[in-house]
Protein backbone atom coordinates (compact mmCIF):
# COMPACT_ATOMS: atom_id res chain seq x y z
CA MET A 1 8.87 12.76 -26.44
CA ALA A 2 5.86 13.57 -25.24
CA GLN A 3 4.67 13.99 -22.00
CA PHE A 4 1.64 13.27 -19.68
CA THR A 5 0.68 12.81 -16.03
CA ILE A 6 -2.07 10.53 -14.55
CA ASN A 7 -3.20 11.64 -10.98
CA HIS A 8 -5.09 9.43 -8.26
CA ASP A 9 -6.38 10.00 -5.06
CA VAL A 10 -6.72 7.16 -2.26
CA LYS A 11 -7.99 7.30 1.23
CA GLN A 12 -5.13 6.17 2.82
CA PRO A 13 -2.10 7.56 4.39
CA VAL A 14 1.19 8.02 2.31
CA ASP A 15 3.49 5.33 3.93
CA LYS A 16 0.63 2.63 3.32
CA THR A 17 0.26 3.69 -0.40
CA PHE A 18 3.90 4.07 -1.13
CA ASP A 19 4.42 0.56 0.25
CA THR A 20 1.48 -0.92 -1.66
CA VAL A 21 2.53 1.00 -5.05
CA GLN A 22 6.22 -0.79 -4.54
CA LYS A 23 4.84 -4.12 -3.95
CA ILE A 24 2.57 -3.78 -7.16
CA LEU A 25 5.32 -2.27 -9.28
CA SER A 26 8.27 -4.61 -7.96
CA LYS A 27 6.13 -7.62 -8.85
CA GLY A 28 5.24 -5.82 -12.22
CA ASP A 29 3.44 -8.55 -14.07
CA ASP A 30 1.05 -5.95 -14.92
CA LEU A 31 3.40 -3.13 -16.27
CA LYS A 32 5.34 -6.21 -17.97
CA LYS A 33 3.06 -6.83 -20.78
CA TYR A 34 3.65 -3.60 -22.09
CA ASP A 35 7.14 -3.43 -21.92
CA PRO A 36 9.16 -6.76 -20.14
CA LYS A 37 12.50 -4.69 -19.68
CA ILE A 38 10.64 -2.47 -17.09
CA VAL A 39 12.92 -1.48 -14.21
CA CYS A 40 11.96 0.34 -11.08
CA THR A 41 13.79 2.30 -8.79
CA PHE A 42 12.12 3.15 -5.48
CA ASP A 43 13.28 6.13 -3.06
CA SER A 44 11.17 5.81 0.08
CA ALA A 45 12.64 8.86 1.98
CA THR A 46 10.63 10.83 -0.85
CA LYS A 47 8.09 8.58 -1.59
CA THR A 48 9.11 8.45 -5.43
CA CYS A 49 10.16 5.79 -8.17
CA LYS A 50 11.47 6.06 -11.42
CA ILE A 51 10.08 3.84 -13.98
CA LEU A 52 12.26 2.77 -16.94
CA GLY A 53 11.33 0.77 -19.96
CA SER A 54 12.77 0.34 -23.40
CA GLN A 55 10.08 2.44 -24.99
CA PHE A 56 9.28 4.87 -22.33
CA LYS A 57 9.80 6.29 -18.56
CA ALA A 58 7.52 7.49 -15.85
CA ASP A 59 8.39 9.20 -12.44
CA LEU A 60 6.01 8.37 -9.73
CA LYS A 61 5.46 10.60 -6.92
CA ILE A 62 2.94 10.01 -3.81
CA ASP A 63 2.00 13.32 -2.02
CA SER A 64 -0.03 13.34 1.22
CA THR A 65 -3.52 15.29 1.03
CA THR A 66 -6.25 16.15 3.81
CA ASP A 67 -8.03 12.85 2.86
CA GLY A 68 -5.28 10.42 2.04
CA SER A 69 -2.76 10.60 -0.67
CA ASN A 70 -2.01 11.44 -3.99
CA ILE A 71 -0.21 9.63 -6.62
CA GLN A 72 0.92 11.38 -9.73
CA VAL A 73 2.40 9.39 -12.47
CA THR A 74 4.34 11.42 -15.36
CA VAL A 75 4.79 9.34 -18.22
CA ASP A 76 7.39 9.76 -21.24
CA LEU A 77 6.40 8.28 -24.40
CA PRO A 78 7.73 8.83 -27.78
CA PHE A 79 5.82 10.28 -30.40
CA LEU A 80 4.77 7.29 -32.23
CA LEU A 81 3.43 5.53 -29.06
CA MET A 82 1.16 8.43 -28.01
CA PRO A 83 -1.94 6.56 -29.47
CA PHE A 84 -1.36 4.05 -26.95
CA LYS A 85 -1.45 6.94 -24.02
CA GLY A 86 -5.30 6.34 -23.21
CA LYS A 87 -4.63 2.60 -22.74
CA ILE A 88 -1.64 2.96 -20.61
CA SER A 89 -3.91 5.58 -18.34
CA GLU A 90 -6.55 3.38 -18.34
CA SER A 91 -4.55 0.37 -17.24
CA LEU A 92 -2.73 2.23 -14.18
CA VAL A 93 -5.62 3.90 -12.95
CA LYS A 94 -7.41 0.19 -12.90
CA LEU A 95 -4.29 -1.21 -11.32
CA PHE A 96 -4.30 1.51 -8.23
CA GLU A 97 -7.99 1.14 -7.98
CA LYS A 98 -7.69 -2.74 -7.92
CA HIS A 99 -4.83 -2.34 -5.38
CA LEU A 100 -5.75 0.83 -3.45
CA GLY A 101 -9.81 1.81 -3.77
């Protein structure tokens, strides 16, 4: 498995960012086009989420910054799927920008 990380800054507090991300990922329509078997497990105490699919896994963490919050997603992909790294990164950033700015 190969690993890559996506960082996205938003100008909202951590709690609001986590709630929004939880709603987006629970609905799951945007991510299910990549893998219909995606399951998300949220931990509101630590502001984290584990995303498990049939072909990949990812860890999402939301941290506080001086201007708001930072979303960090670390994705583990099999080497055969690494050519899709750019498309996955682009889709996640667009998803965050659409819902969080």
